[in-house]
Amino acid sequence: MLKAAGIEHLLEQRVDGVTAEERHLKGKPAPDMFLEGARALGVAPAQAAVFEDALVGVEAGRAGNFGYVVGVDRVGQREALLAHGADVVVEDLEELL
């Protein structure tokens, strides 16, 4: 998807399903993949943000003690995203600008 969008070159690091399998990382709601991404960038989770549209992704961000967890409400689940640990919920990331 990143390659198709022409933005793969903009990423310093990538943690995806292939990485998770190679490194035996647990899937969401475990925070393992997010924590691996922060580690790869040399950033403490408390100094990083998670942007997620899935409830289990928001849970993972909160479980990983990330500094800010943004829930992206694509399907009308604002209250559920907040209940699962989002600090803020937006319908579009543009709202954060």
N, C-alpha and C. Protein backbone atom coordinates (compact mmCIF):
# COMPACT_ATOMS: atom_id res chain seq x y z
N MET A 1 0.82 -1.18 0.00
CA MET A 1 0.00 0.00 0.00
C MET A 1 0.88 1.26 0.00
N LEU A 2 1.94 1.23 0.80
CA LEU A 2 2.83 2.39 0.86
C LEU A 2 3.52 2.63 -0.48
N LYS A 3 3.92 1.54 -1.11
CA LYS A 3 4.57 1.64 -2.41
C LYS A 3 3.58 2.16 -3.46
N ALA A 4 2.35 1.64 -3.44
CA ALA A 4 1.33 2.07 -4.39
C ALA A 4 0.99 3.55 -4.22
N ALA A 5 1.03 4.02 -2.97
CA ALA A 5 0.73 5.43 -2.69
C ALA A 5 1.93 6.33 -3.00
N GLY A 6 3.09 5.72 -3.25
CA GLY A 6 4.28 6.50 -3.56
C GLY A 6 4.89 7.20 -2.36
N ILE A 7 4.66 6.66 -1.16
CA ILE A 7 5.19 7.31 0.04
C ILE A 7 6.15 6.43 0.84
N GLU A 8 6.49 5.28 0.29
CA GLU A 8 7.38 4.35 1.00
C GLU A 8 8.70 5.03 1.38
N HIS A 9 9.21 5.89 0.53
CA HIS A 9 10.48 6.56 0.77
C HIS A 9 10.43 7.56 1.93
N LEU A 10 9.25 7.91 2.39
CA LEU A 10 9.11 8.88 3.48
C LEU A 10 9.27 8.26 4.86
N LEU A 11 9.30 6.93 4.93
CA LEU A 11 9.36 6.24 6.21
C LEU A 11 10.79 5.89 6.59
N GLU A 12 11.13 6.19 7.83
CA GLU A 12 12.45 5.83 8.34
C GLU A 12 12.49 4.36 8.74
N GLN A 13 11.42 3.86 9.29
CA GLN A 13 11.32 2.48 9.74
C GLN A 13 9.91 1.98 9.43
N ARG A 14 9.78 0.66 9.36
CA ARG A 14 8.46 0.07 9.15
C ARG A 14 8.37 -1.22 9.95
N VAL A 15 7.28 -1.36 10.69
CA VAL A 15 6.98 -2.60 11.40
C VAL A 15 5.64 -3.06 10.86
N ASP A 16 5.64 -4.23 10.22
CA ASP A 16 4.42 -4.73 9.61
C ASP A 16 4.23 -6.20 9.95
N GLY A 17 3.32 -6.85 9.29
CA GLY A 17 3.05 -8.26 9.55
C GLY A 17 4.26 -9.15 9.32
N VAL A 18 5.07 -8.82 8.33
CA VAL A 18 6.29 -9.60 8.06
C VAL A 18 7.26 -9.45 9.23
N THR A 19 7.44 -8.21 9.68
CA THR A 19 8.31 -7.95 10.83
C THR A 19 7.80 -8.70 12.06
N ALA A 20 6.51 -8.64 12.28
CA ALA A 20 5.92 -9.31 13.45
C ALA A 20 6.19 -10.80 13.43
N GLU A 21 6.06 -11.40 12.26
CA GLU A 21 6.31 -12.84 12.15
C GLU A 21 7.79 -13.16 12.37
N GLU A 22 8.66 -12.39 11.75
CA GLU A 22 10.10 -12.62 11.87
C GLU A 22 10.59 -12.47 13.31
N ARG A 23 10.02 -11.51 14.03
CA ARG A 23 10.48 -11.21 15.40
C ARG A 23 9.58 -11.79 16.48
N HIS A 24 8.60 -12.58 16.05
CA HIS A 24 7.68 -13.24 16.99
C HIS A 24 6.96 -12.24 17.89
N LEU A 25 6.48 -11.16 17.28
CA LEU A 25 5.75 -10.13 18.02
C LEU A 25 4.28 -10.52 18.11
N LYS A 26 3.69 -10.28 19.25
CA LYS A 26 2.27 -10.54 19.42
C LYS A 26 1.47 -9.47 18.68
N GLY A 27 0.29 -9.86 18.21
CA GLY A 27 -0.59 -8.91 17.54
C GLY A 27 -1.42 -8.11 18.54
N LYS A 28 -2.09 -7.13 18.03
CA LYS A 28 -2.97 -6.29 18.85
C LYS A 28 -4.07 -7.17 19.47
N PRO A 29 -4.46 -6.92 20.68
CA PRO A 29 -4.26 -5.71 21.48
C PRO A 29 -2.94 -5.65 22.25
N ALA A 30 -2.04 -6.61 22.07
CA ALA A 30 -0.71 -6.49 22.67
C ALA A 30 0.01 -5.32 22.00
N PRO A 31 0.80 -4.58 22.75
CA PRO A 31 1.47 -3.40 22.19
C PRO A 31 2.77 -3.70 21.46
N ASP A 32 3.10 -4.96 21.28
CA ASP A 32 4.42 -5.36 20.77
C ASP A 32 4.84 -4.65 19.48
N MET A 33 3.95 -4.57 18.51
CA MET A 33 4.33 -3.96 17.22
C MET A 33 4.60 -2.47 17.38
N PHE A 34 3.78 -1.79 18.15
CA PHE A 34 4.01 -0.36 18.38
C PHE A 34 5.31 -0.15 19.15
N LEU A 35 5.55 -0.99 20.15
CA LEU A 35 6.78 -0.86 20.93
C LEU A 35 8.01 -1.13 20.06
N GLU A 36 7.91 -2.08 19.16
CA GLU A 36 9.02 -2.36 18.24
C GLU A 36 9.28 -1.16 17.32
N GLY A 37 8.22 -0.52 16.87
CA GLY A 37 8.37 0.67 16.04
C GLY A 37 9.07 1.79 16.79
N ALA A 38 8.66 2.02 18.03
CA ALA A 38 9.31 3.05 18.84
C ALA A 38 10.78 2.71 19.07
N ARG A 39 11.05 1.43 19.37
CA ARG A 39 12.42 0.99 19.60
C ARG A 39 13.27 1.22 18.34
N ALA A 40 12.72 0.86 17.18
CA ALA A 40 13.45 1.01 15.92
C ALA A 40 13.80 2.48 15.64
N LEU A 41 12.95 3.37 16.09
CA LEU A 41 13.19 4.81 15.89
C LEU A 41 14.01 5.43 17.02
N GLY A 42 14.25 4.66 18.09
CA GLY A 42 14.99 5.19 19.23
C GLY A 42 14.18 6.17 20.04
N VAL A 43 12.88 5.95 20.10
CA VAL A 43 11.97 6.86 20.80
C VAL A 43 11.30 6.13 21.95
N ALA A 44 11.25 6.76 23.10
CA ALA A 44 10.53 6.17 24.23
C ALA A 44 9.03 6.22 23.93
N PRO A 45 8.29 5.16 24.23
CA PRO A 45 6.85 5.18 23.98
C PRO A 45 6.14 6.40 24.58
N ALA A 46 6.57 6.81 25.75
CA ALA A 46 5.94 7.97 26.40
C ALA A 46 6.13 9.25 25.60
N GLN A 47 7.08 9.26 24.67
CA GLN A 47 7.35 10.43 23.84
C GLN A 47 6.80 10.26 22.43
N ALA A 48 5.96 9.25 22.23
CA ALA A 48 5.44 8.94 20.89
C ALA A 48 3.92 8.88 20.91
N ALA A 49 3.35 8.95 19.73
CA ALA A 49 1.89 8.89 19.58
C ALA A 49 1.50 7.68 18.73
N VAL A 50 0.32 7.18 18.99
CA VAL A 50 -0.28 6.10 18.20
C VAL A 50 -1.53 6.66 17.55
N PHE A 51 -1.72 6.38 16.27
CA PHE A 51 -2.91 6.77 15.53
C PHE A 51 -3.57 5.49 15.07
N GLU A 52 -4.80 5.23 15.52
CA GLU A 52 -5.45 3.95 15.26
C GLU A 52 -6.94 4.12 15.01
N ASP A 53 -7.46 3.29 14.09
CA ASP A 53 -8.90 3.30 13.86
C ASP A 53 -9.59 2.06 14.42
N ALA A 54 -8.82 1.13 14.94
CA ALA A 54 -9.38 -0.10 15.50
C ALA A 54 -9.35 -0.06 17.03
N LEU A 55 -10.38 -0.61 17.63
CA LEU A 55 -10.44 -0.64 19.09
C LEU A 55 -9.23 -1.36 19.68
N VAL A 56 -8.86 -2.50 19.10
CA VAL A 56 -7.71 -3.24 19.64
C VAL A 56 -6.41 -2.47 19.44
N GLY A 57 -6.34 -1.65 18.40
CA GLY A 57 -5.16 -0.81 18.19
C GLY A 57 -5.05 0.28 19.23
N VAL A 58 -6.18 0.88 19.57
CA VAL A 58 -6.20 1.88 20.64
C VAL A 58 -5.80 1.23 21.96
N GLU A 59 -6.33 0.04 22.22
CA GLU A 59 -5.95 -0.71 23.44
C GLU A 59 -4.44 -0.96 23.46
N ALA A 60 -3.88 -1.32 22.32
CA ALA A 60 -2.45 -1.59 22.24
C ALA A 60 -1.63 -0.34 22.54
N GLY A 61 -2.05 0.78 22.01
CA GLY A 61 -1.36 2.04 22.28
C GLY A 61 -1.39 2.39 23.76
N ARG A 62 -2.53 2.21 24.37
CA ARG A 62 -2.66 2.50 25.79
C ARG A 62 -1.83 1.51 26.61
N ALA A 63 -1.88 0.21 26.25
CA ALA A 63 -1.12 -0.81 26.98
C ALA A 63 0.38 -0.60 26.87
N GLY A 64 0.82 0.01 25.76
CA GLY A 64 2.23 0.29 25.57
C GLY A 64 2.70 1.56 26.23
N ASN A 65 1.80 2.25 26.93
CA ASN A 65 2.12 3.49 27.63
C ASN A 65 2.64 4.58 26.69
N PHE A 66 2.00 4.66 25.51
CA PHE A 66 2.37 5.72 24.57
C PHE A 66 1.86 7.05 25.08
N GLY A 67 2.59 8.10 24.76
CA GLY A 67 2.28 9.42 25.28
C GLY A 67 0.94 9.98 24.85
N TYR A 68 0.48 9.60 23.67
CA TYR A 68 -0.80 10.11 23.17
C TYR A 68 -1.37 9.07 22.21
N VAL A 69 -2.62 8.75 22.42
CA VAL A 69 -3.29 7.76 21.58
C VAL A 69 -4.47 8.45 20.89
N VAL A 70 -4.41 8.51 19.57
CA VAL A 70 -5.45 9.14 18.77
C VAL A 70 -6.31 8.05 18.15
N GLY A 71 -7.60 8.09 18.47
CA GLY A 71 -8.55 7.19 17.84
C GLY A 71 -9.12 7.86 16.60
N VAL A 72 -9.14 7.15 15.49
CA VAL A 72 -9.70 7.69 14.25
C VAL A 72 -11.03 6.98 14.02
N ASP A 73 -12.10 7.73 14.15
CA ASP A 73 -13.45 7.16 14.06
C ASP A 73 -13.93 7.12 12.62
N ARG A 74 -13.83 5.96 12.02
CA ARG A 74 -14.26 5.78 10.63
C ARG A 74 -15.65 5.16 10.53
N VAL A 75 -16.14 4.58 11.64
CA VAL A 75 -17.40 3.83 11.57
C VAL A 75 -18.37 4.15 12.69
N GLY A 76 -18.27 5.34 13.27
CA GLY A 76 -19.22 5.74 14.31
C GLY A 76 -19.01 5.06 15.65
N GLN A 77 -17.76 4.94 16.06
CA GLN A 77 -17.48 4.30 17.34
C GLN A 77 -16.68 5.21 18.28
N ARG A 78 -16.99 6.48 18.25
CA ARG A 78 -16.29 7.47 19.06
C ARG A 78 -16.21 7.08 20.53
N GLU A 79 -17.33 6.78 21.13
CA GLU A 79 -17.37 6.46 22.56
C GLU A 79 -16.59 5.20 22.86
N ALA A 80 -16.66 4.21 21.98
CA ALA A 80 -15.92 2.96 22.18
C ALA A 80 -14.41 3.21 22.10
N LEU A 81 -13.97 4.05 21.17
CA LEU A 81 -12.54 4.38 21.07
C LEU A 81 -12.05 5.05 22.34
N LEU A 82 -12.85 5.97 22.87
CA LEU A 82 -12.50 6.62 24.13
C LEU A 82 -12.46 5.60 25.27
N ALA A 83 -13.44 4.72 25.31
CA ALA A 83 -13.50 3.71 26.37
C ALA A 83 -12.33 2.73 26.31
N HIS A 84 -11.79 2.53 25.12
CA HIS A 84 -10.65 1.61 24.95
C HIS A 84 -9.30 2.30 25.15
N GLY A 85 -9.31 3.61 25.43
CA GLY A 85 -8.07 4.28 25.81
C GLY A 85 -7.59 5.42 24.95
N ALA A 86 -8.37 5.84 23.96
CA ALA A 86 -7.95 6.98 23.14
C ALA A 86 -7.96 8.25 23.99
N ASP A 87 -6.94 9.07 23.81
CA ASP A 87 -6.90 10.38 24.47
C ASP A 87 -7.82 11.36 23.77
N VAL A 88 -7.92 11.20 22.46
CA VAL A 88 -8.77 12.06 21.64
C VAL A 88 -9.27 11.21 20.47
N VAL A 89 -10.44 11.57 19.96
CA VAL A 89 -11.00 10.88 18.80
C VAL A 89 -11.30 11.91 17.72
N VAL A 90 -10.86 11.62 16.50
CA VAL A 90 -11.14 12.47 15.35
C VAL A 90 -11.77 11.62 14.26
N GLU A 91 -12.49 12.25 13.37
CA GLU A 91 -13.05 11.54 12.23
C GLU A 91 -12.08 11.56 11.05
N ASP A 92 -11.21 12.56 11.05
CA ASP A 92 -10.23 12.72 9.98
C ASP A 92 -8.96 13.28 10.60
N LEU A 93 -7.82 12.77 10.21
CA LEU A 93 -6.56 13.24 10.79
C LEU A 93 -6.33 14.72 10.54
N GLU A 94 -6.97 15.27 9.52
CA GLU A 94 -6.85 16.70 9.24
C GLU A 94 -7.30 17.55 10.43
N GLU A 95 -8.19 17.01 11.26
CA GLU A 95 -8.67 17.72 12.43
C GLU A 95 -7.54 18.04 13.42
N LEU A 96 -6.44 17.34 13.32
CA LEU A 96 -5.32 17.55 14.23
C LEU A 96 -4.40 18.69 13.80
N LEU A 97 -4.60 19.21 12.60
CA LEU A 97 -3.74 20.29 12.10
C LEU A 97 -4.08 21.61 12.76
